[in-house]
Protein backbone atom coordinates (compact mmCIF):
# COMPACT_ATOMS: atom_id res chain seq x y z
CA UNK A 1 28.60 19.46 124.41
CA UNK A 2 31.35 16.98 123.52
CA UNK A 3 30.28 15.06 126.70
CA UNK A 4 26.62 15.10 125.61
CA UNK A 5 27.58 13.81 122.18
CA UNK A 6 29.67 10.85 123.47
CA UNK A 7 26.95 10.03 125.72
CA UNK A 8 24.34 9.82 123.14
CA UNK A 9 26.79 7.40 121.15
CA UNK A 10 27.17 5.29 124.03
CA UNK A 11 23.42 5.34 124.96
CA UNK A 12 22.42 4.02 121.58
CA UNK A 13 24.91 1.25 121.63
CA UNK A 14 23.76 0.20 124.98
CA UNK A 15 20.08 0.43 123.80
CA UNK A 16 21.06 -1.89 121.21
CA UNK A 17 22.56 -4.32 123.68
CA UNK A 18 19.67 -3.71 125.95
CA UNK A 19 17.17 -5.02 123.43
CA UNK A 20 18.93 -8.00 122.32
CA UNK A 21 19.42 -9.14 126.08
CA UNK A 22 15.90 -8.46 127.24
CA UNK A 23 13.42 -9.13 124.43
CA UNK A 24 12.76 -12.81 125.66
CA UNK A 25 12.10 -11.64 129.20
CA UNK A 26 10.12 -8.41 128.82
CA UNK A 27 7.92 -6.26 126.81
CA UNK A 28 9.59 -3.15 128.01
CA UNK A 29 12.58 -3.90 125.89
CA UNK A 30 10.77 -2.07 123.37
CA UNK A 31 11.84 1.10 124.87
CA UNK A 32 15.25 0.21 123.94
CA UNK A 33 14.24 0.58 120.28
CA UNK A 34 13.70 4.39 120.68
CA UNK A 35 17.19 5.63 120.54
CA UNK A 36 17.80 3.20 117.57
CA UNK A 37 14.95 4.64 115.83
CA UNK A 38 16.14 8.22 116.35
CA UNK A 39 19.48 7.30 115.10
CA UNK A 40 18.32 5.86 111.92
CA UNK A 41 16.11 8.66 111.47
CA UNK A 42 19.06 11.26 111.90
CA UNK A 43 21.53 9.34 109.91
CA UNK A 44 19.05 9.04 106.94
CA UNK A 45 18.07 12.64 107.27
CA UNK A 46 21.78 13.71 107.03
CA UNK A 47 22.30 11.49 103.84
CA UNK A 48 19.19 12.68 102.11
CA UNK A 49 19.95 16.26 102.82
CA UNK A 50 23.39 16.19 101.47
CA UNK A 51 22.24 14.26 98.43
CA UNK A 52 19.55 16.85 97.78
CA UNK A 53 22.14 19.54 98.14
CA UNK A 54 24.60 18.09 95.77
CA UNK A 55 21.79 17.53 92.96
CA UNK A 56 20.49 20.86 93.58
CA UNK A 57 23.80 22.58 93.14
CA UNK A 58 24.57 20.56 89.93
CA UNK A 59 21.30 20.99 88.26
CA UNK A 60 19.62 24.18 89.45
CA UNK A 61 20.54 27.83 88.89
CA UNK A 62 21.26 29.67 92.24
CA UNK A 63 18.51 31.99 93.25
CA UNK A 64 15.91 30.47 90.66
CA UNK A 65 12.54 29.71 91.70
CA UNK A 66 12.98 26.03 91.89
CA UNK A 67 16.21 26.68 93.89
CA UNK A 68 14.41 28.41 96.41
CA UNK A 69 11.47 26.14 96.49
CA UNK A 70 13.93 23.22 97.33
CA UNK A 71 15.70 24.92 100.27
CA UNK A 72 13.11 23.65 102.64
CA UNK A 73 13.68 20.14 104.46
CA UNK A 74 10.12 19.23 105.35
CA UNK A 75 9.85 16.48 103.04
CA UNK A 76 13.05 15.10 103.83
CA UNK A 77 11.98 14.80 107.41
CA UNK A 78 8.96 12.98 106.26
CA UNK A 79 10.89 10.66 104.17
CA UNK A 80 13.53 10.06 106.80
CA UNK A 81 10.77 9.27 109.56
CA UNK A 82 9.21 6.60 107.20
CA UNK A 83 12.73 5.23 106.10
CA UNK A 84 13.57 4.89 109.94
CA UNK A 85 10.30 3.06 110.60
CA UNK A 86 11.00 0.70 107.92
CA UNK A 87 14.79 0.18 109.05
CA UNK A 88 13.55 -0.34 112.60
CA UNK A 89 10.96 -3.01 111.72
CA UNK A 90 13.52 -4.87 109.50
CA UNK A 91 16.17 -4.64 112.39
CA UNK A 92 13.63 -5.82 114.91
CA UNK A 93 12.62 -8.92 112.78
CA UNK A 94 16.27 -9.70 112.32
CA UNK A 95 17.14 -9.44 115.94
CA UNK A 96 14.22 -11.95 117.01
CA UNK A 97 16.12 -14.63 114.81
CA UNK A 98 19.67 -14.21 115.60
CA UNK A 99 22.06 -17.04 116.48
CA UNK A 100 24.92 -16.58 118.85
CA UNK A 101 27.54 -16.96 115.91
CA UNK A 102 25.68 -13.90 114.27
CA UNK A 103 26.68 -11.67 117.11
CA UNK A 104 30.50 -12.01 116.09
CA UNK A 105 29.93 -10.80 112.72
CA UNK A 106 27.66 -7.82 113.64
CA UNK A 107 29.40 -6.72 116.60
CA UNK A 108 33.04 -7.54 115.88
CA UNK A 109 33.57 -7.92 112.08
CA UNK A 110 31.29 -5.06 111.02
CA UNK A 111 32.49 -2.40 113.37
CA UNK A 112 36.11 -3.38 112.81
CA UNK A 113 35.44 -3.12 108.94
CA UNK A 114 33.92 0.32 109.33
CA UNK A 115 36.77 1.62 111.43
CA UNK A 116 39.26 0.32 108.90
CA UNK A 117 37.56 1.74 106.06
CA UNK A 118 37.03 5.14 107.65
CA UNK A 119 40.69 5.26 108.44
CA UNK A 120 42.10 4.00 105.09
CA UNK A 121 39.53 5.94 102.96
CA UNK A 122 39.79 9.43 104.77
CA UNK A 123 42.39 10.59 102.19
CA UNK A 124 39.91 9.61 99.40
CA UNK A 125 36.58 10.67 100.51
CA UNK A 126 35.48 13.85 102.10
CA UNK A 127 34.03 13.21 105.72
CA UNK A 128 30.37 13.82 105.15
CA UNK A 129 27.18 11.76 105.15
CA UNK A 130 27.11 10.78 101.55
CA UNK A 131 30.56 9.32 101.55
CA UNK A 132 29.55 7.52 105.01
CA UNK A 133 26.80 5.69 102.96
CA UNK A 134 29.63 4.24 100.61
CA UNK A 135 31.43 2.94 103.81
CA UNK A 136 28.38 1.56 105.10
CA UNK A 137 27.73 -0.47 101.73
CA UNK A 138 31.33 -1.58 101.26
CA UNK A 139 31.47 -2.65 105.10
CA UNK A 140 28.17 -4.50 104.83
CA UNK A 141 29.09 -6.10 101.75
CA UNK A 142 32.19 -7.80 103.01
CA UNK A 143 30.48 -8.61 106.41
CA UNK A 144 27.62 -10.44 104.49
CA UNK A 145 30.24 -12.17 102.17
CA UNK A 146 32.11 -13.49 105.09
CA UNK A 147 28.91 -14.54 106.77
CA UNK A 148 27.77 -16.49 103.58
CA UNK A 149 31.15 -18.12 103.27
CA UNK A 150 31.20 -19.15 106.90
CA UNK A 151 27.89 -20.73 106.53
CA UNK A 152 28.80 -22.42 103.38
CA UNK A 153 31.98 -24.09 104.71
CA UNK A 154 31.63 -24.20 108.69
CA UNK A 155 27.90 -24.76 109.27
CA UNK A 156 26.12 -27.98 108.63
CA UNK A 157 22.24 -27.44 107.58
CA UNK A 158 21.18 -31.13 106.73
CA UNK A 159 18.61 -31.58 104.06
CA UNK A 160 15.15 -31.41 105.53
CA UNK A 161 12.38 -34.18 105.24
CA UNK A 162 8.95 -33.60 106.68
CA UNK A 163 9.92 -35.56 109.89
CA UNK A 164 13.15 -33.44 110.68
CA UNK A 165 11.12 -30.18 109.63
CA UNK A 166 8.53 -31.11 112.34
CA UNK A 167 11.12 -31.39 114.98
CA UNK A 168 13.08 -28.34 113.89
CA UNK A 169 10.23 -26.03 114.13
CA UNK A 170 9.61 -26.82 117.79
CA UNK A 171 12.79 -25.11 119.31
CA UNK A 172 12.05 -21.47 118.46
CA UNK A 173 13.23 -18.57 120.72
CA UNK A 174 10.27 -18.21 123.37
CA UNK A 175 9.52 -14.93 124.86
CA UNK A 176 7.36 -13.93 127.91
CA UNK A 177 5.65 -11.22 125.75
CA UNK A 178 2.82 -12.96 123.56
CA UNK A 179 3.51 -10.78 120.33
CA UNK A 180 7.36 -11.35 120.56
CA UNK A 181 6.68 -15.06 120.97
CA UNK A 182 4.40 -15.29 118.06
CA UNK A 183 6.78 -13.37 115.83
CA UNK A 184 9.75 -15.48 117.02
CA UNK A 185 7.84 -18.58 116.27
CA UNK A 186 6.73 -17.34 112.80
CA UNK A 187 10.17 -16.33 111.85
CA UNK A 188 11.71 -19.61 113.09
CA UNK A 189 9.16 -21.48 111.08
CA UNK A 190 9.82 -19.35 107.76
CA UNK A 191 13.65 -20.15 108.31
CA UNK A 192 13.09 -23.85 108.39
CA UNK A 193 10.53 -23.80 105.71
CA UNK A 194 13.40 -22.17 103.63
CA UNK A 195 15.57 -25.11 104.35
CA UNK A 196 12.74 -27.41 103.60
CA UNK A 197 11.96 -26.02 100.36
CA UNK A 198 15.76 -25.64 99.37
CA UNK A 199 16.12 -29.41 100.18
CA UNK A 200 14.26 -30.44 97.05
CA UNK A 201 16.88 -28.94 94.88
CA UNK A 202 19.51 -31.76 96.04
CA UNK A 203 22.68 -31.25 98.24
CA UNK A 204 24.56 -28.89 95.70
CA UNK A 205 21.52 -26.77 95.13
CA UNK A 206 20.67 -26.62 98.77
CA UNK A 207 24.05 -25.12 99.58
CA UNK A 208 24.13 -22.75 96.58
CA UNK A 209 20.69 -21.42 97.33
CA UNK A 210 21.41 -21.08 101.05
CA UNK A 211 24.59 -19.31 100.33
CA UNK A 212 22.82 -16.79 98.06
CA UNK A 213 19.84 -16.28 100.49
CA UNK A 214 22.36 -15.90 103.39
CA UNK A 215 24.27 -13.25 101.56
CA UNK A 216 21.49 -11.05 100.57
CA UNK A 217 19.46 -11.29 103.72
CA UNK A 218 22.54 -10.49 105.76
CA UNK A 219 23.61 -7.66 103.52
CA UNK A 220 20.53 -5.97 103.92
CA UNK A 221 20.49 -6.41 107.72
CA UNK A 222 24.11 -5.06 108.01
CA UNK A 223 23.23 -2.28 105.83
CA UNK A 224 20.66 -1.01 108.37
CA UNK A 225 22.78 -1.77 111.41
CA UNK A 226 25.82 -0.10 109.88
CA UNK A 227 23.99 3.03 109.96
CA UNK A 228 23.60 2.78 113.75
CA UNK A 229 27.26 1.92 113.96
CA UNK A 230 28.09 4.87 111.68
CA UNK A 231 26.50 7.17 114.29
CA UNK A 232 28.00 5.35 117.31
CA UNK A 233 31.64 5.47 115.79
CA UNK A 234 31.55 9.06 115.72
CA UNK A 235 32.69 8.82 119.34
CA UNK A 236 36.49 9.97 119.67
CA UNK A 237 37.73 6.98 121.62
CA UNK A 238 36.65 4.17 119.26
CA UNK A 239 38.14 1.43 121.39
CA UNK A 240 35.42 2.05 123.93
CA UNK A 241 32.74 0.81 121.20
CA UNK A 242 34.80 -2.25 120.42
CA UNK A 243 35.26 -3.13 123.87
CA UNK A 244 31.69 -2.86 124.73
CA UNK A 245 30.86 -4.90 121.60
CA UNK A 246 33.35 -7.70 122.74
CA UNK A 247 31.77 -7.73 126.07
CA UNK A 248 28.36 -8.03 124.50
CA UNK A 249 29.36 -10.96 122.30
CA UNK A 250 31.05 -12.74 125.36
CA UNK A 251 28.00 -12.11 127.59
CA UNK A 252 25.46 -13.24 125.05
CA UNK A 253 27.64 -16.49 124.39
CA UNK A 254 27.18 -17.49 128.26
CA UNK A 255 23.63 -16.37 128.19
CA UNK A 256 21.03 -19.23 128.32
CA UNK A 257 18.40 -18.89 125.65
CA UNK A 258 14.81 -19.46 126.35
CA UNK A 259 13.60 -22.10 123.82
CA UNK A 260 10.15 -23.70 123.33
CA UNK A 261 10.26 -27.50 123.62
CA UNK A 262 6.57 -28.46 122.83
CA UNK A 263 4.73 -28.92 119.78
CA UNK A 264 1.91 -26.16 119.60
CA UNK A 265 -1.61 -26.68 118.04
CA UNK A 266 -0.80 -24.27 115.15
CA UNK A 267 2.45 -26.02 114.39
CA UNK A 268 0.64 -29.45 114.52
CA UNK A 269 -1.90 -27.85 112.01
CA UNK A 270 0.59 -26.62 109.67
CA UNK A 271 2.41 -30.01 109.56
CA UNK A 272 -1.00 -31.66 108.81
CA UNK A 273 -1.51 -29.36 105.79
CA UNK A 274 2.10 -29.92 104.61
CA UNK A 275 1.54 -33.80 104.96
CA UNK A 276 -1.53 -33.42 102.74
CA UNK A 277 0.27 -31.60 100.38
CA UNK A 278 3.15 -34.14 100.23
CA UNK A 279 0.48 -36.81 99.75
CA UNK A 280 -1.01 -34.90 96.79
CA UNK A 281 2.46 -34.40 95.40
CA UNK A 282 3.50 -37.83 95.74
CA UNK A 283 0.38 -39.26 94.06
CA UNK A 284 -0.59 -38.17 90.50
CA UNK A 285 -3.75 -36.18 90.76
CA UNK A 286 -5.07 -37.57 87.55
CA UNK A 287 -4.59 -41.14 88.71
CA UNK A 288 -6.41 -40.27 91.98
CA UNK A 289 -9.33 -38.77 89.84
CA UNK A 290 -9.33 -42.07 87.66
CA UNK A 291 -9.53 -44.35 90.70
CA UNK A 292 -12.45 -42.14 92.11
CA UNK A 293 -14.28 -42.62 88.89
CA UNK A 294 -13.69 -46.46 89.03
CA UNK A 295 -14.86 -46.45 92.58
CA UNK A 296 -18.24 -44.64 91.70
CA UNK A 297 -18.79 -47.03 88.76
CA UNK A 298 -18.27 -50.25 91.14
CA UNK A 299 -20.62 -48.74 93.55
CA UNK A 300 -23.30 -48.11 90.91
CA UNK A 301 -22.73 -51.69 89.65
CA UNK A 302 -23.44 -53.08 93.16
CA UNK A 303 -26.48 -50.94 93.20
CA UNK A 304 -27.86 -52.68 90.10
CA UNK A 305 -27.23 -56.05 91.64
CA UNK A 306 -29.42 -55.39 94.65
CA UNK A 307 -32.35 -54.91 92.14
CA UNK A 308 -32.02 -58.20 90.61
CA UNK A 309 -33.96 -61.39 91.95
CA UNK A 310 -32.42 -64.57 93.05
CA UNK A 311 -32.41 -66.38 89.65
CA UNK A 312 -30.90 -63.20 87.96
CA UNK A 313 -28.29 -63.27 90.74
CA UNK A 314 -27.48 -66.74 90.13
CA UNK A 315 -26.88 -66.25 86.44
CA UNK A 316 -24.90 -63.18 87.02
CA UNK A 317 -22.71 -64.98 89.60
CA UNK A 318 -21.27 -67.09 86.60
CA UNK A 319 -20.91 -64.26 84.20
CA UNK A 320 -17.91 -62.27 83.13
CA UNK A 321 -19.44 -59.08 84.56
CA UNK A 322 -19.16 -60.48 88.06
CA UNK A 323 -15.48 -61.46 87.33
CA UNK A 324 -14.57 -57.98 86.07
CA UNK A 325 -16.22 -56.29 89.02
CA UNK A 326 -14.42 -58.39 91.70
CA UNK A 327 -11.20 -57.80 89.88
CA UNK A 328 -11.82 -53.96 89.96
CA UNK A 329 -12.60 -54.22 93.62
CA UNK A 330 -9.59 -56.24 94.43
CA UNK A 331 -7.44 -53.64 92.63
CA UNK A 332 -9.03 -50.53 94.43
CA UNK A 333 -8.26 -52.42 97.78
CA UNK A 334 -4.83 -52.89 96.96
């Protein structure tokens, strides 16, 4: 039985590695997500069941009608199922957009923090799923905080104008499976669009907003991933997990990524829309409307001239009306 449990822990960890290493190359990488889904489902169920029992014992009289009704776990299975789906989708989307440095935080710092907290707090907390949740939150919080500070002080994300933005959105992580490729392209675009929008707030605003976004996004990501590690770290010899994580980080560092290098038609269309938006932003819309009205008035004046005979045109040629029209046309051309 112990061997079976240890095998399930290792299988979950290897499934995590398997997806991250193969999603760009094969659609069959989706099968690696099945053990991760089952792990999330089981961890959520244990937490919700213990939480229900704590609340039930604290608020209901033993043997009462509501106490007996709440003894079943069917609704917990349903709720855990949908939570696991949400968690898996969230992890999946984050996996497609990971950079090499991110692997250090999720496979080295996060499990180390969890092992440290489990060891240091075992005298403070009873070993159960409810207190595991506290460890998950604390470990995720500090991992996300370290990640955000690393991004603030050790990475350089330059302020993006439209030209830089158009170059950066090209090099997304491409995949052989068309749906993975589309999602990766979309996530890469959104990530750079975030930098493009933050750039309007100046350098300090850009760094501050990026720090806040990195922290909250990575905290949510680590919180879900920590549930997976919480299951995996139930293995007796935890050094095995750390060793495999180290090998994963090292292997990923030397693994060559597949990157797109051609501007696609949909990217070109989006850039055209953004270019038009920038034009409207840079030009006062009321001024554009005013110039349009003047242009229409000039066209109507020219139409009236064509209705005149030669004598009337000769008189008009030396009039102030002609000078005003010529002046407006010259201003419009400028």
